[in-house]
Amino acid sequence: MHAGWTRYAADLEAAAAFALRTRELLDRLGRYSRAKGLEPSLEGLKALAPESLVSALAMNLPFAPVEKQALLEAPTPAERAELLAALLDLGATPDDASGVALH
């Protein structure tokens, strides 16, 4: 048996190889953080390379286990960033009147 790693080759792409707009992601993080009552260190996050920023947010934000698993399984850094952006947008929406989160 031989392990096939070719489907993960995209993880080795340079940060510039995908269109992650760090400022846009940090803006989404700001909305998400306000909705969840979080206070992330934005200055520290701004210093991270795009791929490191996505990884740090994916690991440290209070997403549901299934959401974290989806981030882990995203085939490319670009798809991981897109999924993270979508999760931040979903989490930034207010909970309904019953107190149940809508995501």
N, C-alpha and C. Protein backbone atom coordinates (compact mmCIF):
# COMPACT_ATOMS: atom_id res chain seq x y z
N MET A 1 0.85 -1.17 0.00
CA MET A 1 0.00 0.00 0.00
C MET A 1 0.90 1.23 0.00
N HIS A 2 0.50 2.21 -0.78
CA HIS A 2 1.25 3.46 -0.88
C HIS A 2 0.30 4.63 -0.60
N ALA A 3 0.69 5.47 0.36
CA ALA A 3 -0.15 6.63 0.70
C ALA A 3 -0.10 7.63 -0.45
N GLY A 4 -1.26 8.13 -0.81
CA GLY A 4 -1.33 9.13 -1.87
C GLY A 4 -1.59 10.51 -1.30
N TRP A 5 -0.61 11.37 -1.44
CA TRP A 5 -0.71 12.72 -0.88
C TRP A 5 -0.99 13.76 -1.94
N THR A 6 -1.15 13.35 -3.18
CA THR A 6 -1.28 14.33 -4.26
C THR A 6 -2.48 15.23 -4.11
N ARG A 7 -3.55 14.73 -3.52
CA ARG A 7 -4.73 15.60 -3.39
C ARG A 7 -4.50 16.74 -2.40
N TYR A 8 -3.43 16.67 -1.61
CA TYR A 8 -3.11 17.73 -0.65
C TYR A 8 -1.96 18.61 -1.13
N ALA A 9 -1.53 18.42 -2.35
CA ALA A 9 -0.41 19.19 -2.89
C ALA A 9 -0.69 20.69 -2.86
N ALA A 10 -1.94 21.08 -2.98
CA ALA A 10 -2.29 22.50 -2.98
C ALA A 10 -1.95 23.17 -1.65
N ASP A 11 -1.86 22.40 -0.57
CA ASP A 11 -1.49 22.98 0.72
C ASP A 11 -0.08 23.58 0.70
N LEU A 12 0.72 23.17 -0.25
CA LEU A 12 2.08 23.67 -0.34
C LEU A 12 2.21 24.91 -1.22
N GLU A 13 1.10 25.38 -1.77
CA GLU A 13 1.13 26.58 -2.61
C GLU A 13 1.59 27.78 -1.80
N ALA A 14 2.19 28.71 -2.48
CA ALA A 14 2.58 29.96 -1.83
C ALA A 14 1.33 30.74 -1.44
N ALA A 15 1.45 31.57 -0.41
CA ALA A 15 0.31 32.35 0.07
C ALA A 15 -0.29 33.22 -1.02
N ALA A 16 0.52 33.70 -1.93
CA ALA A 16 0.02 34.57 -3.00
C ALA A 16 -0.75 33.79 -4.07
N ALA A 17 -0.71 32.47 -4.01
CA ALA A 17 -1.34 31.67 -5.05
C ALA A 17 -2.86 31.64 -4.94
N PHE A 18 -3.41 32.08 -3.85
CA PHE A 18 -4.86 32.15 -3.76
C PHE A 18 -5.29 33.52 -3.29
N ALA A 19 -6.50 33.87 -3.65
CA ALA A 19 -6.98 35.24 -3.43
C ALA A 19 -7.65 35.37 -2.07
N LEU A 20 -6.86 35.41 -1.04
CA LEU A 20 -7.40 35.66 0.29
C LEU A 20 -7.14 37.13 0.61
N ARG A 21 -8.19 37.84 0.78
CA ARG A 21 -8.05 39.24 1.16
C ARG A 21 -8.06 39.32 2.68
N THR A 22 -6.87 39.46 3.26
CA THR A 22 -6.72 39.44 4.71
C THR A 22 -7.59 40.49 5.37
N ARG A 23 -7.62 41.68 4.82
CA ARG A 23 -8.41 42.76 5.43
C ARG A 23 -9.90 42.38 5.46
N GLU A 24 -10.39 41.81 4.37
CA GLU A 24 -11.78 41.38 4.31
C GLU A 24 -12.07 40.30 5.34
N LEU A 25 -11.16 39.36 5.49
CA LEU A 25 -11.33 38.30 6.48
C LEU A 25 -11.33 38.87 7.90
N LEU A 26 -10.45 39.83 8.15
CA LEU A 26 -10.41 40.45 9.49
C LEU A 26 -11.67 41.28 9.75
N ASP A 27 -12.22 41.90 8.72
CA ASP A 27 -13.49 42.62 8.88
C ASP A 27 -14.60 41.64 9.27
N ARG A 28 -14.63 40.50 8.60
CA ARG A 28 -15.64 39.47 8.94
C ARG A 28 -15.41 38.96 10.35
N LEU A 29 -14.15 38.78 10.72
CA LEU A 29 -13.84 38.35 12.09
C LEU A 29 -14.34 39.38 13.10
N GLY A 30 -14.21 40.67 12.78
CA GLY A 30 -14.69 41.71 13.68
C GLY A 30 -16.18 41.61 13.90
N ARG A 31 -16.96 41.41 12.84
CA ARG A 31 -18.41 41.26 12.97
C ARG A 31 -18.76 40.00 13.76
N TYR A 32 -18.07 38.91 13.46
CA TYR A 32 -18.29 37.65 14.17
C TYR A 32 -17.98 37.83 15.67
N SER A 33 -16.86 38.46 15.96
CA SER A 33 -16.43 38.65 17.35
C SER A 33 -17.42 39.49 18.13
N ARG A 34 -17.93 40.55 17.52
CA ARG A 34 -18.92 41.38 18.21
C ARG A 34 -20.18 40.57 18.50
N ALA A 35 -20.61 39.76 17.54
CA ALA A 35 -21.82 38.95 17.73
C ALA A 35 -21.64 37.90 18.81
N LYS A 36 -20.42 37.40 18.97
CA LYS A 36 -20.14 36.33 19.93
C LYS A 36 -19.54 36.84 21.24
N GLY A 37 -19.29 38.14 21.33
CA GLY A 37 -18.70 38.69 22.55
C GLY A 37 -17.23 38.32 22.73
N LEU A 38 -16.51 38.16 21.63
CA LEU A 38 -15.09 37.81 21.68
C LEU A 38 -14.24 39.06 21.49
N GLU A 39 -13.01 39.01 21.98
CA GLU A 39 -12.08 40.13 21.81
C GLU A 39 -10.74 39.61 21.32
N PRO A 40 -10.66 39.26 20.03
CA PRO A 40 -9.38 38.75 19.50
C PRO A 40 -8.34 39.86 19.38
N SER A 41 -7.09 39.47 19.37
CA SER A 41 -5.99 40.40 19.18
C SER A 41 -5.80 40.65 17.69
N LEU A 42 -6.49 41.64 17.17
CA LEU A 42 -6.44 41.90 15.74
C LEU A 42 -5.05 42.30 15.27
N GLU A 43 -4.31 43.03 16.08
CA GLU A 43 -2.96 43.44 15.68
C GLU A 43 -2.07 42.23 15.48
N GLY A 44 -2.16 41.27 16.37
CA GLY A 44 -1.37 40.05 16.22
C GLY A 44 -1.78 39.25 15.00
N LEU A 45 -3.08 39.22 14.73
CA LEU A 45 -3.58 38.48 13.58
C LEU A 45 -3.17 39.13 12.26
N LYS A 46 -3.10 40.46 12.25
CA LYS A 46 -2.72 41.18 11.03
C LYS A 46 -1.30 40.82 10.60
N ALA A 47 -0.46 40.42 11.54
CA ALA A 47 0.93 40.11 11.23
C ALA A 47 1.11 38.72 10.61
N LEU A 48 0.08 37.90 10.66
CA LEU A 48 0.20 36.53 10.15
C LEU A 48 0.11 36.47 8.63
N ALA A 49 0.80 35.51 8.06
CA ALA A 49 0.65 35.22 6.63
C ALA A 49 -0.76 34.71 6.41
N PRO A 50 -1.33 34.89 5.22
CA PRO A 50 -2.72 34.49 4.97
C PRO A 50 -3.06 33.05 5.37
N GLU A 51 -2.22 32.08 5.00
CA GLU A 51 -2.50 30.69 5.34
C GLU A 51 -2.46 30.48 6.85
N SER A 52 -1.53 31.15 7.52
CA SER A 52 -1.42 31.04 8.98
C SER A 52 -2.62 31.68 9.66
N LEU A 53 -3.10 32.78 9.10
CA LEU A 53 -4.29 33.45 9.64
C LEU A 53 -5.49 32.51 9.58
N VAL A 54 -5.70 31.90 8.43
CA VAL A 54 -6.83 30.97 8.28
C VAL A 54 -6.70 29.83 9.26
N SER A 55 -5.52 29.25 9.38
CA SER A 55 -5.31 28.14 10.31
C SER A 55 -5.55 28.55 11.76
N ALA A 56 -5.02 29.71 12.14
CA ALA A 56 -5.17 30.18 13.51
C ALA A 56 -6.64 30.41 13.86
N LEU A 57 -7.38 31.02 12.95
CA LEU A 57 -8.80 31.27 13.21
C LEU A 57 -9.58 29.95 13.25
N ALA A 58 -9.27 29.06 12.34
CA ALA A 58 -9.96 27.77 12.31
C ALA A 58 -9.75 26.99 13.60
N MET A 59 -8.56 27.07 14.15
CA MET A 59 -8.25 26.32 15.38
C MET A 59 -8.84 26.98 16.63
N ASN A 60 -8.88 28.30 16.65
CA ASN A 60 -9.17 28.99 17.90
C ASN A 60 -10.57 29.54 18.06
N LEU A 61 -11.31 29.69 16.98
CA LEU A 61 -12.67 30.21 17.11
C LEU A 61 -13.62 29.09 17.56
N PRO A 62 -14.67 29.47 18.27
CA PRO A 62 -15.58 28.46 18.84
C PRO A 62 -16.60 27.91 17.84
N PHE A 63 -16.09 27.30 16.77
CA PHE A 63 -16.97 26.67 15.80
C PHE A 63 -17.39 25.30 16.33
N ALA A 64 -18.50 24.80 15.81
CA ALA A 64 -18.96 23.46 16.16
C ALA A 64 -17.96 22.43 15.60
N PRO A 65 -17.90 21.26 16.22
CA PRO A 65 -16.97 20.23 15.73
C PRO A 65 -17.13 19.91 14.24
N VAL A 66 -18.35 19.86 13.76
CA VAL A 66 -18.57 19.55 12.35
C VAL A 66 -18.02 20.67 11.45
N GLU A 67 -18.10 21.90 11.92
CA GLU A 67 -17.56 23.02 11.15
C GLU A 67 -16.03 22.97 11.13
N LYS A 68 -15.43 22.66 12.28
CA LYS A 68 -13.97 22.53 12.34
C LYS A 68 -13.50 21.38 11.45
N GLN A 69 -14.26 20.29 11.43
CA GLN A 69 -13.90 19.16 10.59
C GLN A 69 -13.96 19.55 9.11
N ALA A 70 -14.97 20.31 8.74
CA ALA A 70 -15.09 20.76 7.35
C ALA A 70 -13.89 21.63 6.97
N LEU A 71 -13.44 22.48 7.88
CA LEU A 71 -12.26 23.30 7.61
C LEU A 71 -11.02 22.42 7.42
N LEU A 72 -10.89 21.40 8.26
CA LEU A 72 -9.75 20.48 8.13
C LEU A 72 -9.75 19.75 6.80
N GLU A 73 -10.93 19.42 6.32
CA GLU A 73 -11.05 18.60 5.12
C GLU A 73 -11.11 19.41 3.83
N ALA A 74 -11.10 20.72 3.92
CA ALA A 74 -11.11 21.54 2.69
C ALA A 74 -9.90 21.17 1.85
N PRO A 75 -10.12 20.89 0.57
CA PRO A 75 -9.04 20.39 -0.27
C PRO A 75 -7.89 21.37 -0.55
N THR A 76 -8.18 22.67 -0.56
CA THR A 76 -7.13 23.65 -0.88
C THR A 76 -7.18 24.79 0.12
N PRO A 77 -6.09 25.53 0.25
CA PRO A 77 -6.10 26.70 1.12
C PRO A 77 -7.17 27.71 0.72
N ALA A 78 -7.40 27.87 -0.56
CA ALA A 78 -8.42 28.82 -1.02
C ALA A 78 -9.81 28.39 -0.58
N GLU A 79 -10.10 27.10 -0.70
CA GLU A 79 -11.41 26.61 -0.27
C GLU A 79 -11.57 26.69 1.25
N ARG A 80 -10.48 26.46 1.97
CA ARG A 80 -10.50 26.60 3.43
C ARG A 80 -10.81 28.04 3.82
N ALA A 81 -10.19 29.00 3.12
CA ALA A 81 -10.43 30.41 3.39
C ALA A 81 -11.86 30.81 3.07
N GLU A 82 -12.38 30.30 1.95
CA GLU A 82 -13.77 30.60 1.58
C GLU A 82 -14.75 30.04 2.62
N LEU A 83 -14.50 28.83 3.07
CA LEU A 83 -15.36 28.22 4.07
C LEU A 83 -15.29 28.98 5.38
N LEU A 84 -14.10 29.37 5.78
CA LEU A 84 -13.94 30.16 7.00
C LEU A 84 -14.70 31.47 6.90
N ALA A 85 -14.61 32.14 5.77
CA ALA A 85 -15.33 33.40 5.57
C ALA A 85 -16.84 33.17 5.70
N ALA A 86 -17.32 32.08 5.12
CA ALA A 86 -18.76 31.78 5.21
C ALA A 86 -19.17 31.49 6.65
N LEU A 87 -18.34 30.76 7.38
CA LEU A 87 -18.66 30.47 8.79
C LEU A 87 -18.66 31.74 9.64
N LEU A 88 -17.73 32.64 9.34
CA LEU A 88 -17.71 33.92 10.07
C LEU A 88 -18.98 34.72 9.78
N ASP A 89 -19.39 34.73 8.53
CA ASP A 89 -20.62 35.45 8.17
C ASP A 89 -21.84 34.84 8.87
N LEU A 90 -21.92 33.52 8.86
CA LEU A 90 -23.05 32.85 9.53
C LEU A 90 -23.05 33.14 11.03
N GLY A 91 -21.88 33.11 11.63
CA GLY A 91 -21.78 33.35 13.06
C GLY A 91 -22.02 34.79 13.45
N ALA A 92 -21.92 35.69 12.50
CA ALA A 92 -22.13 37.11 12.79
C ALA A 92 -23.60 37.48 12.79
N THR A 93 -24.46 36.58 12.32
CA THR A 93 -25.88 36.87 12.32
C THR A 93 -26.41 36.70 13.73
N PRO A 94 -27.35 37.54 14.13
CA PRO A 94 -27.87 37.43 15.49
C PRO A 94 -28.65 36.13 15.69
N ASP A 95 -28.59 35.62 16.91
CA ASP A 95 -29.39 34.44 17.25
C ASP A 95 -30.86 34.82 17.24
N ASP A 96 -31.72 33.83 17.06
CA ASP A 96 -33.15 34.14 17.06
C ASP A 96 -33.64 34.39 18.49
N ALA A 97 -34.87 34.77 18.65
CA ALA A 97 -35.43 35.15 19.95
C ALA A 97 -35.39 34.03 20.97
N SER A 98 -35.36 32.78 20.53
CA SER A 98 -35.34 31.67 21.46
C SER A 98 -33.96 31.46 22.07
N GLY A 99 -32.95 32.18 21.56
CA GLY A 99 -31.60 32.02 22.08
C GLY A 99 -30.85 30.90 21.40
N VAL A 100 -31.45 30.30 20.39
CA VAL A 100 -30.80 29.23 19.66
C VAL A 100 -30.00 29.84 18.51
N ALA A 101 -28.74 29.43 18.40
CA ALA A 101 -27.90 29.95 17.32
C ALA A 101 -28.45 29.49 15.98
N LEU A 102 -28.37 30.36 14.99
CA LEU A 102 -28.90 30.04 13.68
C LEU A 102 -27.90 29.30 12.81
N HIS A 103 -26.73 29.02 13.29
CA HIS A 103 -25.75 28.25 12.50
C HIS A 103 -25.30 27.03 13.24
